[in-house]
Amino acid sequence: MKLPESLKLITDTLWRIETPEDFSWIFEDILTPAEITDMADRITILQMLKAWKSQRDIAETLGVSITTVSRGNRVLQYGKGNIDKYLLS
């Protein structure tokens, strides 16, 4: 399946979810524990970057590579900005 079709399938499915609990249960069903923690790390990285934490500090705090943190930084610098309004501060 190509990216546009994949995104549409995922979006259409997630829009039907009614509660935060259901989101958690569905993610537990379809993602591995490692995928869930990776996603949480990515969101945390973005939040910490938005709070002006250094990339090195973020990597050390979360136990991830500096490359992973740099990817998050690129998302904030060059991405479309869609995630910004959903990040908790």
N, C-alpha and C. Protein backbone atom coordinates (compact mmCIF):
# COMPACT_ATOMS: atom_id res chain seq x y z
N MET A 1 0.85 -1.17 0.00
CA MET A 1 0.00 0.00 0.00
C MET A 1 0.90 1.24 0.00
N LYS A 2 0.54 2.22 -0.78
CA LYS A 2 1.33 3.45 -0.87
C LYS A 2 0.99 4.39 0.28
N LEU A 3 1.86 5.35 0.50
CA LEU A 3 1.72 6.26 1.64
C LEU A 3 0.36 6.97 1.69
N PRO A 4 -0.11 7.58 0.61
CA PRO A 4 -1.41 8.27 0.72
C PRO A 4 -2.55 7.33 1.14
N GLU A 5 -2.57 6.15 0.57
CA GLU A 5 -3.62 5.19 0.92
C GLU A 5 -3.46 4.71 2.37
N SER A 6 -2.24 4.53 2.77
CA SER A 6 -1.97 4.10 4.15
C SER A 6 -2.44 5.16 5.14
N LEU A 7 -2.09 6.42 4.87
CA LEU A 7 -2.51 7.50 5.76
C LEU A 7 -4.03 7.63 5.81
N LYS A 8 -4.69 7.47 4.68
CA LYS A 8 -6.15 7.55 4.65
C LYS A 8 -6.77 6.42 5.47
N LEU A 9 -6.27 5.22 5.32
CA LEU A 9 -6.78 4.08 6.09
C LEU A 9 -6.61 4.31 7.59
N ILE A 10 -5.42 4.75 7.98
CA ILE A 10 -5.15 5.00 9.40
C ILE A 10 -6.05 6.13 9.92
N THR A 11 -6.11 7.22 9.19
CA THR A 11 -6.92 8.37 9.61
C THR A 11 -8.39 7.99 9.72
N ASP A 12 -8.91 7.32 8.70
CA ASP A 12 -10.32 6.92 8.73
C ASP A 12 -10.62 6.01 9.92
N THR A 13 -9.70 5.13 10.23
CA THR A 13 -9.90 4.23 11.37
C THR A 13 -9.84 4.98 12.70
N LEU A 14 -8.83 5.82 12.87
CA LEU A 14 -8.67 6.54 14.14
C LEU A 14 -9.79 7.52 14.40
N TRP A 15 -10.38 8.09 13.35
CA TRP A 15 -11.50 9.02 13.55
C TRP A 15 -12.71 8.35 14.17
N ARG A 16 -12.81 7.04 14.05
CA ARG A 16 -13.95 6.33 14.61
C ARG A 16 -13.79 6.04 16.11
N ILE A 17 -12.59 6.23 16.63
CA ILE A 17 -12.35 5.94 18.04
C ILE A 17 -13.03 7.01 18.89
N GLU A 18 -13.75 6.57 19.91
CA GLU A 18 -14.60 7.48 20.67
C GLU A 18 -14.00 7.99 21.98
N THR A 19 -13.12 7.23 22.62
CA THR A 19 -12.61 7.65 23.93
C THR A 19 -11.09 7.49 23.99
N PRO A 20 -10.45 8.23 24.91
CA PRO A 20 -9.02 8.04 25.11
C PRO A 20 -8.67 6.60 25.51
N GLU A 21 -9.53 5.97 26.30
CA GLU A 21 -9.29 4.57 26.68
C GLU A 21 -9.25 3.68 25.45
N ASP A 22 -10.19 3.92 24.52
CA ASP A 22 -10.21 3.13 23.29
C ASP A 22 -8.92 3.32 22.49
N PHE A 23 -8.41 4.56 22.44
CA PHE A 23 -7.15 4.81 21.77
C PHE A 23 -6.06 3.92 22.37
N SER A 24 -5.96 3.92 23.69
CA SER A 24 -4.94 3.11 24.36
C SER A 24 -5.09 1.64 24.02
N TRP A 25 -6.31 1.14 24.08
CA TRP A 25 -6.54 -0.28 23.81
C TRP A 25 -6.20 -0.64 22.37
N ILE A 26 -6.58 0.24 21.45
CA ILE A 26 -6.30 -0.04 20.04
C ILE A 26 -4.80 -0.02 19.78
N PHE A 27 -4.10 0.97 20.35
CA PHE A 27 -2.65 1.01 20.17
C PHE A 27 -2.00 -0.24 20.77
N GLU A 28 -2.48 -0.69 21.91
CA GLU A 28 -1.94 -1.92 22.50
C GLU A 28 -2.20 -3.12 21.60
N ASP A 29 -3.33 -3.12 20.91
CA ASP A 29 -3.66 -4.23 20.01
C ASP A 29 -2.80 -4.24 18.75
N ILE A 30 -2.56 -3.07 18.15
CA ILE A 30 -1.94 -3.07 16.83
C ILE A 30 -0.45 -2.72 16.82
N LEU A 31 0.06 -2.18 17.94
CA LEU A 31 1.48 -1.83 18.01
C LEU A 31 2.20 -2.71 19.02
N THR A 32 3.47 -2.94 18.79
CA THR A 32 4.28 -3.66 19.76
C THR A 32 4.63 -2.70 20.91
N PRO A 33 5.01 -3.23 22.07
CA PRO A 33 5.45 -2.35 23.15
C PRO A 33 6.59 -1.43 22.72
N ALA A 34 7.51 -1.92 21.91
CA ALA A 34 8.62 -1.09 21.44
C ALA A 34 8.13 0.04 20.55
N GLU A 35 7.14 -0.22 19.70
CA GLU A 35 6.59 0.83 18.84
C GLU A 35 5.88 1.90 19.67
N ILE A 36 5.20 1.48 20.71
CA ILE A 36 4.52 2.44 21.59
C ILE A 36 5.52 3.32 22.31
N THR A 37 6.58 2.72 22.86
CA THR A 37 7.59 3.53 23.56
C THR A 37 8.36 4.42 22.59
N ASP A 38 8.60 3.94 21.36
CA ASP A 38 9.27 4.78 20.36
C ASP A 38 8.41 6.00 20.03
N MET A 39 7.12 5.80 19.88
CA MET A 39 6.22 6.91 19.58
C MET A 39 6.20 7.90 20.75
N ALA A 40 6.14 7.38 21.97
CA ALA A 40 6.15 8.25 23.15
C ALA A 40 7.47 9.02 23.24
N ASP A 41 8.59 8.35 22.93
CA ASP A 41 9.88 9.04 22.92
C ASP A 41 9.89 10.16 21.90
N ARG A 42 9.37 9.92 20.71
CA ARG A 42 9.35 10.95 19.68
C ARG A 42 8.55 12.16 20.12
N ILE A 43 7.40 11.92 20.73
CA ILE A 43 6.58 13.04 21.21
C ILE A 43 7.29 13.79 22.33
N THR A 44 7.91 13.04 23.25
CA THR A 44 8.65 13.67 24.35
C THR A 44 9.81 14.49 23.82
N ILE A 45 10.51 13.97 22.82
CA ILE A 45 11.62 14.71 22.20
C ILE A 45 11.11 16.04 21.65
N LEU A 46 10.01 16.01 20.94
CA LEU A 46 9.45 17.24 20.37
C LEU A 46 9.06 18.22 21.47
N GLN A 47 8.46 17.72 22.54
CA GLN A 47 8.08 18.60 23.66
C GLN A 47 9.31 19.22 24.30
N MET A 48 10.35 18.43 24.49
CA MET A 48 11.57 18.95 25.12
C MET A 48 12.28 19.95 24.22
N LEU A 49 12.28 19.68 22.91
CA LEU A 49 12.88 20.64 21.98
C LEU A 49 12.12 21.95 22.00
N LYS A 50 10.79 21.88 22.05
CA LYS A 50 9.98 23.09 22.11
C LYS A 50 10.24 23.87 23.41
N ALA A 51 10.66 23.17 24.46
CA ALA A 51 10.99 23.81 25.73
C ALA A 51 12.46 24.26 25.77
N TRP A 52 13.12 24.22 24.63
CA TRP A 52 14.50 24.69 24.48
C TRP A 52 15.54 23.87 25.22
N LYS A 53 15.27 22.59 25.42
CA LYS A 53 16.28 21.69 25.99
C LYS A 53 17.31 21.39 24.90
N SER A 54 18.56 21.17 25.30
CA SER A 54 19.58 20.87 24.30
C SER A 54 19.41 19.44 23.79
N GLN A 55 19.83 19.22 22.55
CA GLN A 55 19.71 17.89 21.97
C GLN A 55 20.49 16.86 22.78
N ARG A 56 21.65 17.24 23.24
CA ARG A 56 22.48 16.31 24.02
C ARG A 56 21.79 15.95 25.34
N ASP A 57 21.22 16.94 26.02
CA ASP A 57 20.50 16.68 27.28
C ASP A 57 19.30 15.76 27.05
N ILE A 58 18.58 16.00 25.96
CA ILE A 58 17.42 15.17 25.65
C ILE A 58 17.86 13.72 25.42
N ALA A 59 18.90 13.54 24.63
CA ALA A 59 19.39 12.20 24.34
C ALA A 59 19.80 11.48 25.62
N GLU A 60 20.50 12.18 26.49
CA GLU A 60 20.94 11.58 27.75
C GLU A 60 19.76 11.27 28.67
N THR A 61 18.83 12.20 28.77
CA THR A 61 17.67 12.02 29.65
C THR A 61 16.82 10.83 29.23
N LEU A 62 16.57 10.71 27.92
CA LEU A 62 15.69 9.65 27.42
C LEU A 62 16.42 8.37 27.06
N GLY A 63 17.74 8.41 27.03
CA GLY A 63 18.50 7.22 26.65
C GLY A 63 18.33 6.86 25.18
N VAL A 64 18.23 7.91 24.34
CA VAL A 64 18.12 7.69 22.90
C VAL A 64 19.35 8.29 22.23
N SER A 65 19.52 7.97 20.96
CA SER A 65 20.68 8.50 20.25
C SER A 65 20.48 9.97 19.89
N ILE A 66 21.57 10.67 19.70
CA ILE A 66 21.51 12.06 19.28
C ILE A 66 20.88 12.14 17.88
N THR A 67 21.04 11.09 17.08
CA THR A 67 20.42 11.04 15.75
C THR A 67 18.90 11.06 15.86
N THR A 68 18.35 10.34 16.83
CA THR A 68 16.91 10.32 17.05
C THR A 68 16.42 11.71 17.43
N VAL A 69 17.17 12.37 18.29
CA VAL A 69 16.79 13.73 18.71
C VAL A 69 16.91 14.70 17.54
N SER A 70 17.95 14.55 16.74
CA SER A 70 18.15 15.41 15.57
C SER A 70 17.00 15.27 14.58
N ARG A 71 16.48 14.05 14.45
CA ARG A 71 15.33 13.84 13.56
C ARG A 71 14.13 14.65 14.06
N GLY A 72 13.92 14.63 15.37
CA GLY A 72 12.84 15.43 15.94
C GLY A 72 13.04 16.91 15.69
N ASN A 73 14.27 17.35 15.79
CA ASN A 73 14.58 18.75 15.55
C ASN A 73 14.28 19.13 14.10
N ARG A 74 14.60 18.22 13.17
CA ARG A 74 14.29 18.47 11.76
C ARG A 74 12.78 18.56 11.54
N VAL A 75 12.02 17.75 12.26
CA VAL A 75 10.55 17.81 12.15
C VAL A 75 10.07 19.21 12.53
N LEU A 76 10.60 19.74 13.62
CA LEU A 76 10.17 21.07 14.06
C LEU A 76 10.66 22.18 13.14
N GLN A 77 11.86 22.01 12.59
CA GLN A 77 12.42 23.07 11.74
C GLN A 77 11.85 23.04 10.33
N TYR A 78 11.71 21.85 9.76
CA TYR A 78 11.38 21.76 8.34
C TYR A 78 10.06 21.04 8.05
N GLY A 79 9.41 20.55 9.09
CA GLY A 79 8.13 19.87 8.88
C GLY A 79 7.04 20.87 8.55
N LYS A 80 5.86 20.37 8.37
CA LYS A 80 4.72 21.21 8.01
C LYS A 80 4.10 21.92 9.21
N GLY A 81 4.58 21.60 10.42
CA GLY A 81 4.09 22.28 11.62
C GLY A 81 2.79 21.71 12.16
N ASN A 82 2.35 20.58 11.63
CA ASN A 82 1.08 20.02 12.05
C ASN A 82 1.08 19.51 13.49
N ILE A 83 2.22 19.04 13.96
CA ILE A 83 2.29 18.45 15.32
C ILE A 83 2.30 19.53 16.40
N ASP A 84 2.76 20.72 16.06
CA ASP A 84 2.96 21.78 17.05
C ASP A 84 1.73 22.03 17.94
N LYS A 85 0.57 22.11 17.34
CA LYS A 85 -0.62 22.47 18.12
C LYS A 85 -1.10 21.34 19.03
N TYR A 86 -0.53 20.16 18.87
CA TYR A 86 -0.95 19.02 19.69
C TYR A 86 0.06 18.66 20.78
N LEU A 87 1.20 19.30 20.80
CA LEU A 87 2.21 19.00 21.81
C LEU A 87 1.84 19.64 23.14
N LEU A 88 1.93 18.85 24.18
CA LEU A 88 1.71 19.39 25.53
C LEU A 88 2.97 20.11 25.95
N SER A 89 2.81 21.16 26.73
CA SER A 89 4.01 21.87 27.19
C SER A 89 4.27 21.61 28.64
